[in-house]
Amino acid sequence: MSAQDCLAIDIGGTKIACGVVSPSGDLIYRDSVPTPQGADQEELFSTLMGLVEKVVSESGLGVSVCGVGCGGPMEAGGVTVSPLNIEGWRSFPLQQRLAGALEIPVAIDNDAKALALGEWWNGAGKEASSFLAMVVSTGIGGGIVLDDHLLDGQFGNAGHIGHIVVDPNGRRCRCGVIGCLEAQASGTAIQEIAGMPAKDVDDGMKALAGMFVGRAVASVVTLLDLDLCVVAGSVALGFGYPFFEAAQQELNRCTGLSYTKGARIVPAGHGDAGPLVGAAAVGFGLGRLAKAGR
């Protein structure tokens, strides 16, 4: 047991996960519960704390910091969070509430930015100085490492690729805009379109989701001069080859400049552990530090 281990929390629209991660990035213990649907803010927080207490008790591991990845948008540092896919939390003071309950330092960031940080730390982006990371799950989010820095943006929401418009004649997104990537290719959107859970759709629907993702990625790599996109999330990883093949084909089709040739879309290196490893990277403060040896 190390007193330097991190309590890692990933808060999503479908589930809340919690684990303990070592300073070297190893996920030692984890558990999860479904995100209560239609719950108010206190029921949601009570569910979160019940899981945290269970993980701390059953793991027997000491923790000195807490890192959280949460769906956005949010105020910088998670001062308040308003995840689009968790309606019970609007301007919820997550950082203050967690810090008060846990009595250890708590750091919070957007879940996809946390993923980017974890993949940069010791995952599929560990050799890259610049890349895009994405979570394609209940919703869609992104984080960007540029020139060895995790981008924050004015309010801490940089990289929110789920709200790039990929189909001007598409579906209305929960943000109110027509044709956002999240409205076309997230797990929630796919279930609404197909009339069945995303995990049950055929390869054609998987490829369609991948195509929209590849289209959005093409815009980002062109704008920011990137050559790598790392993708995690239950939808993307669950869809597998049909999704990633279609995404790469659309990325190739939509990138015509010399510096965009060869840009790649690959699965995240940490697989389904990525969100918790990323949350730990937030907790350890890696986003504020240059990586060793860079």
Protein backbone atom coordinates (compact mmCIF):
# COMPACT_ATOMS: atom_id res chain seq x y z
CA MET A 1 0.00 0.00 0.00
CA SER A 2 1.21 3.48 -0.83
CA ALA A 3 -0.09 6.62 0.78
CA GLN A 4 0.55 8.29 -2.57
CA ASP A 5 -2.12 6.31 -4.45
CA CYS A 6 -4.92 8.31 -6.09
CA LEU A 7 -8.64 7.85 -5.67
CA ALA A 8 -9.86 8.07 -9.27
CA ILE A 9 -13.48 8.84 -10.20
CA ASP A 10 -15.12 8.86 -13.63
CA ILE A 11 -18.64 10.32 -13.79
CA GLY A 12 -20.69 9.57 -16.89
CA GLY A 13 -24.29 9.49 -17.97
CA THR A 14 -24.53 5.70 -17.87
CA LYS A 15 -22.25 4.78 -14.97
CA ILE A 16 -20.07 6.18 -12.24
CA ALA A 17 -16.74 4.39 -11.80
CA CYS A 18 -14.23 4.65 -9.00
CA GLY A 19 -10.82 3.08 -8.49
CA VAL A 20 -7.40 3.37 -6.96
CA VAL A 21 -4.44 4.17 -9.24
CA SER A 22 -0.76 4.01 -8.32
CA PRO A 23 1.75 6.79 -9.06
CA SER A 24 3.04 4.70 -11.96
CA GLY A 25 -0.42 4.62 -13.56
CA ASP A 26 -1.51 1.11 -12.63
CA LEU A 27 -5.22 0.66 -11.92
CA ILE A 28 -5.12 -1.42 -8.74
CA TYR A 29 -8.79 -1.68 -7.86
CA ARG A 30 -12.08 -0.50 -9.35
CA ASP A 31 -15.84 -0.74 -9.10
CA SER A 32 -18.82 1.03 -10.65
CA VAL A 33 -22.54 1.68 -10.27
CA PRO A 34 -25.19 2.80 -12.76
CA THR A 35 -25.79 6.54 -12.85
CA PRO A 36 -29.28 6.97 -11.38
CA GLN A 37 -31.55 8.27 -14.10
CA GLY A 38 -33.83 11.17 -13.23
CA ALA A 39 -32.16 11.64 -9.85
CA ASP A 40 -31.81 15.01 -8.18
CA GLN A 41 -28.44 16.48 -7.27
CA GLU A 42 -28.32 15.07 -3.74
CA GLU A 43 -29.29 11.55 -4.81
CA LEU A 44 -26.57 11.66 -7.45
CA PHE A 45 -23.98 12.82 -4.92
CA SER A 46 -25.11 10.20 -2.40
CA THR A 47 -24.70 7.49 -5.05
CA LEU A 48 -21.21 8.76 -5.83
CA MET A 49 -20.17 8.84 -2.18
CA GLY A 50 -21.60 5.37 -1.55
CA LEU A 51 -19.38 4.02 -4.32
CA VAL A 52 -16.34 5.94 -3.07
CA GLU A 53 -16.76 4.61 0.46
CA LYS A 54 -17.15 1.05 -0.88
CA VAL A 55 -13.98 1.28 -2.98
CA VAL A 56 -11.90 2.76 -0.17
CA SER A 57 -13.16 0.16 2.30
CA GLU A 58 -12.91 -2.92 0.08
CA SER A 59 -9.59 -2.03 -1.56
CA GLY A 60 -7.82 -1.44 1.75
CA LEU A 61 -5.61 1.06 -0.04
CA GLY A 62 -4.60 4.43 1.32
CA VAL A 63 -5.13 7.45 -0.92
CA SER A 64 -3.73 10.95 -0.56
CA VAL A 65 -5.36 12.72 -3.50
CA CYS A 66 -8.50 12.43 -5.60
CA GLY A 67 -8.81 12.97 -9.34
CA VAL A 68 -12.12 13.21 -11.18
CA GLY A 69 -13.13 13.09 -14.81
CA CYS A 70 -16.68 14.35 -15.37
CA GLY A 71 -18.78 15.10 -18.42
CA GLY A 72 -19.06 18.74 -19.35
CA PRO A 73 -19.52 21.56 -19.66
CA MET A 74 -18.09 22.77 -16.37
CA GLU A 75 -16.37 25.70 -14.76
CA ALA A 76 -12.59 25.36 -14.74
CA GLY A 77 -11.44 22.94 -12.06
CA GLY A 78 -14.92 21.52 -11.59
CA VAL A 79 -15.97 24.42 -9.37
CA THR A 80 -19.39 23.67 -10.79
CA VAL A 81 -20.37 20.94 -13.26
CA SER A 82 -23.35 20.78 -15.64
CA PRO A 83 -22.95 17.56 -17.66
CA LEU A 84 -25.41 17.46 -20.54
CA ASN A 85 -26.08 13.76 -19.94
CA ILE A 86 -26.73 14.12 -16.18
CA GLU A 87 -29.75 16.40 -15.91
CA GLY A 88 -29.78 16.44 -12.11
CA TRP A 89 -26.51 18.33 -11.95
CA ARG A 90 -26.72 21.90 -13.18
CA SER A 91 -24.07 24.22 -11.72
CA PHE A 92 -23.43 21.57 -9.07
CA PRO A 93 -20.43 22.48 -6.81
CA LEU A 94 -18.69 19.13 -7.24
CA GLN A 95 -15.18 20.17 -6.24
CA GLN A 96 -16.25 21.76 -2.97
CA ARG A 97 -18.59 18.91 -2.06
CA LEU A 98 -16.02 16.19 -2.74
CA ALA A 99 -13.18 18.01 -1.00
CA GLY A 100 -15.37 18.51 2.05
CA ALA A 101 -16.47 14.88 2.18
CA LEU A 102 -13.07 13.29 1.49
CA GLU A 103 -10.79 15.73 3.33
CA ILE A 104 -8.02 15.24 0.77
CA PRO A 105 -7.07 17.41 -2.23
CA VAL A 106 -9.54 17.00 -5.10
CA ALA A 107 -8.79 17.91 -8.74
CA ILE A 108 -11.50 17.78 -11.42
CA ASP A 109 -11.43 18.07 -15.20
CA ASN A 110 -13.56 17.21 -18.20
CA ASP A 111 -13.60 13.42 -18.64
CA ALA A 112 -12.21 13.51 -22.18
CA LYS A 113 -9.42 15.90 -21.18
CA ALA A 114 -8.65 13.49 -18.37
CA LEU A 115 -8.49 10.66 -20.91
CA ALA A 116 -6.06 12.69 -23.02
CA LEU A 117 -3.86 13.23 -20.00
CA GLY A 118 -3.85 9.53 -19.12
CA GLU A 119 -3.09 8.43 -22.68
CA TRP A 120 -0.27 10.99 -22.81
CA TRP A 121 1.08 9.76 -19.49
CA ASN A 122 1.46 6.07 -20.34
CA GLY A 123 -1.00 5.11 -23.05
CA ALA A 124 -1.35 5.38 -26.83
CA GLY A 125 -0.20 9.02 -26.82
CA LYS A 126 2.89 8.56 -24.68
CA GLU A 127 5.29 9.16 -27.58
CA ALA A 128 3.36 12.14 -28.97
CA SER A 129 3.84 15.83 -28.27
CA SER A 130 0.48 16.70 -29.87
CA PHE A 131 -2.67 14.61 -30.34
CA LEU A 132 -6.44 14.52 -29.95
CA ALA A 133 -8.15 12.14 -27.51
CA MET A 134 -11.85 11.30 -27.68
CA VAL A 135 -14.46 9.50 -25.62
CA VAL A 136 -17.32 8.05 -27.69
CA SER A 137 -19.79 6.70 -25.17
CA THR A 138 -23.17 7.91 -23.84
CA GLY A 139 -21.97 11.33 -25.05
CA ILE A 140 -18.89 12.42 -26.99
CA GLY A 141 -16.07 14.56 -25.65
CA GLY A 142 -12.48 15.35 -26.49
CA GLY A 143 -9.22 16.62 -25.10
CA ILE A 144 -6.17 18.02 -26.88
CA VAL A 145 -2.48 17.83 -26.08
CA LEU A 146 -0.66 20.47 -28.13
CA ASP A 147 3.10 21.04 -27.99
CA ASP A 148 3.38 19.07 -24.73
CA HIS A 149 0.55 20.95 -23.02
CA LEU A 150 -2.99 19.86 -22.25
CA LEU A 151 -5.22 22.63 -23.58
CA ASP A 152 -7.71 24.09 -21.10
CA GLY A 153 -9.48 26.92 -22.91
CA GLN A 154 -11.05 29.98 -21.33
CA PHE A 155 -13.47 27.98 -19.15
CA GLY A 156 -11.69 24.62 -19.07
CA ASN A 157 -13.68 23.02 -21.92
CA ALA A 158 -11.12 22.95 -24.76
CA GLY A 159 -11.45 19.99 -27.11
CA HIS A 160 -15.23 19.48 -26.86
CA ILE A 161 -15.37 17.75 -30.26
CA GLY A 162 -18.82 16.31 -29.60
CA HIS A 163 -20.30 19.68 -30.54
CA ILE A 164 -18.62 20.11 -33.90
CA VAL A 165 -21.32 20.08 -36.59
CA VAL A 166 -20.88 17.06 -38.87
CA ASP A 167 -24.30 17.06 -40.58
CA PRO A 168 -26.06 20.41 -41.11
CA ASN A 169 -29.24 18.50 -41.96
CA GLY A 170 -28.92 16.11 -39.04
CA ARG A 171 -30.55 15.68 -35.66
CA ARG A 172 -30.97 18.35 -33.01
CA CYS A 173 -28.43 17.99 -30.22
CA ARG A 174 -29.19 18.45 -26.53
CA CYS A 175 -27.15 21.65 -26.74
CA GLY A 176 -29.75 22.99 -29.19
CA VAL A 177 -27.66 22.90 -32.39
CA ILE A 178 -28.54 20.83 -35.46
CA GLY A 179 -26.10 18.13 -36.53
CA CYS A 180 -23.53 17.98 -33.72
CA LEU A 181 -21.33 14.88 -33.66
CA GLU A 182 -22.88 13.91 -30.33
CA ALA A 183 -26.35 14.01 -31.90
CA GLN A 184 -25.24 11.66 -34.68
CA ALA A 185 -22.77 9.19 -33.18
CA SER A 186 -23.06 9.00 -29.39
CA GLY A 187 -24.55 5.95 -27.68
CA THR A 188 -27.63 7.98 -26.80
CA ALA A 189 -28.13 9.15 -30.38
CA ILE A 190 -27.55 5.69 -31.85
CA GLN A 191 -30.17 4.18 -29.55
CA GLU A 192 -32.68 6.85 -30.56
CA ILE A 193 -31.95 6.38 -34.26
CA ALA A 194 -31.86 2.57 -34.26
CA GLY A 195 -34.53 1.94 -31.64
CA MET A 196 -32.25 -0.43 -29.75
CA PRO A 197 -29.23 -0.22 -27.42
CA ALA A 198 -26.06 0.81 -29.22
CA LYS A 199 -24.41 -2.52 -28.35
CA ASP A 200 -26.99 -4.35 -30.47
CA VAL A 201 -26.78 -2.40 -33.73
CA ASP A 202 -25.44 -3.87 -36.97
CA ASP A 203 -22.13 -3.14 -38.66
CA GLY A 204 -23.73 -0.56 -40.93
CA MET A 205 -24.73 1.61 -37.97
CA LYS A 206 -21.32 1.09 -36.38
CA ALA A 207 -19.66 2.26 -39.59
CA LEU A 208 -21.98 5.27 -39.85
CA ALA A 209 -20.98 6.38 -36.35
CA GLY A 210 -17.33 5.90 -37.26
CA MET A 211 -17.76 7.96 -40.42
CA PHE A 212 -19.13 10.92 -38.47
CA VAL A 213 -16.29 10.66 -35.97
CA GLY A 214 -13.72 10.60 -38.77
CA ARG A 215 -15.31 13.71 -40.30
CA ALA A 216 -15.05 15.63 -37.03
CA VAL A 217 -11.49 14.47 -36.43
CA ALA A 218 -10.49 15.69 -39.89
CA SER A 219 -11.52 19.22 -38.97
CA VAL A 220 -9.53 19.13 -35.74
CA VAL A 221 -6.33 17.67 -37.19
CA THR A 222 -6.44 20.21 -40.01
CA LEU A 223 -7.01 23.12 -37.64
CA LEU A 224 -4.33 22.15 -35.13
CA ASP A 225 -1.75 20.29 -37.26
CA LEU A 226 -2.17 16.91 -35.54
CA ASP A 227 -1.44 13.43 -36.85
CA LEU A 228 -2.96 11.24 -34.12
CA CYS A 229 -6.40 10.73 -32.59
CA VAL A 230 -6.80 8.28 -29.70
CA VAL A 231 -10.36 7.06 -29.13
CA ALA A 232 -11.90 5.41 -26.06
CA GLY A 233 -15.42 4.95 -24.72
CA SER A 234 -17.84 2.04 -24.60
CA VAL A 235 -19.35 2.78 -28.02
CA ALA A 236 -16.08 3.12 -29.92
CA LEU A 237 -14.30 0.24 -28.22
CA GLY A 238 -17.41 -1.93 -28.30
CA PHE A 239 -17.96 -1.31 -32.02
CA GLY A 240 -14.38 -2.19 -32.85
CA TYR A 241 -13.20 -2.73 -36.43
CA PRO A 242 -16.26 -1.47 -38.39
CA PHE A 243 -16.18 1.79 -36.43
CA PHE A 244 -12.43 2.41 -36.61
CA GLU A 245 -12.15 1.41 -40.27
CA ALA A 246 -14.95 3.80 -41.29
CA ALA A 247 -13.48 6.58 -39.13
CA GLN A 248 -10.06 6.20 -40.75
CA GLN A 249 -11.53 6.13 -44.25
CA GLU A 250 -13.50 9.35 -43.64
CA LEU A 251 -10.47 10.99 -42.05
CA ASN A 252 -8.45 10.11 -45.17
CA ARG A 253 -11.20 11.45 -47.44
CA CYS A 254 -11.48 14.75 -45.60
CA THR A 255 -7.78 15.59 -45.22
CA GLY A 256 -6.17 16.94 -48.37
CA LEU A 257 -3.29 19.09 -47.16
CA SER A 258 0.25 17.79 -47.06
CA TYR A 259 0.59 18.00 -43.28
CA THR A 260 -2.66 16.10 -42.69
CA LYS A 261 -1.69 13.11 -44.81
CA GLY A 262 -1.14 10.03 -42.68
CA ALA A 263 -3.21 11.22 -39.70
CA ARG A 264 -4.39 8.18 -37.75
CA ILE A 265 -7.34 7.20 -35.55
CA VAL A 266 -6.44 4.44 -33.07
CA PRO A 267 -8.05 2.81 -30.01
CA ALA A 268 -6.95 4.15 -26.64
CA GLY A 269 -4.08 2.27 -25.07
CA HIS A 270 -5.73 1.79 -21.68
CA GLY A 271 -8.96 0.32 -23.05
CA ASP A 272 -11.86 0.55 -20.62
CA ALA A 273 -9.46 1.51 -17.80
CA GLY A 274 -8.62 4.76 -19.61
CA PRO A 275 -11.13 7.05 -17.86
CA LEU A 276 -9.90 6.07 -14.38
CA VAL A 277 -6.22 6.26 -15.31
CA GLY A 278 -6.97 9.68 -16.80
CA ALA A 279 -8.80 10.80 -13.67
CA ALA A 280 -5.74 9.78 -11.65
CA ALA A 281 -3.52 11.82 -13.97
CA VAL A 282 -5.71 14.81 -13.12
CA GLY A 283 -5.41 14.01 -9.43
CA PHE A 284 -1.64 13.72 -9.62
CA GLY A 285 -1.49 17.11 -11.35
CA LEU A 286 0.16 15.86 -14.52
CA GLY A 287 -1.67 18.42 -16.62
CA ARG A 288 0.30 21.17 -14.93
CA LEU A 289 3.67 19.52 -15.42
CA ALA A 290 5.87 18.91 -18.44
CA LYS A 291 6.32 15.20 -18.96
CA ALA A 292 9.66 13.88 -17.77
CA GLY A 293 12.16 13.73 -20.58
CA ARG A 294 10.23 15.99 -22.93
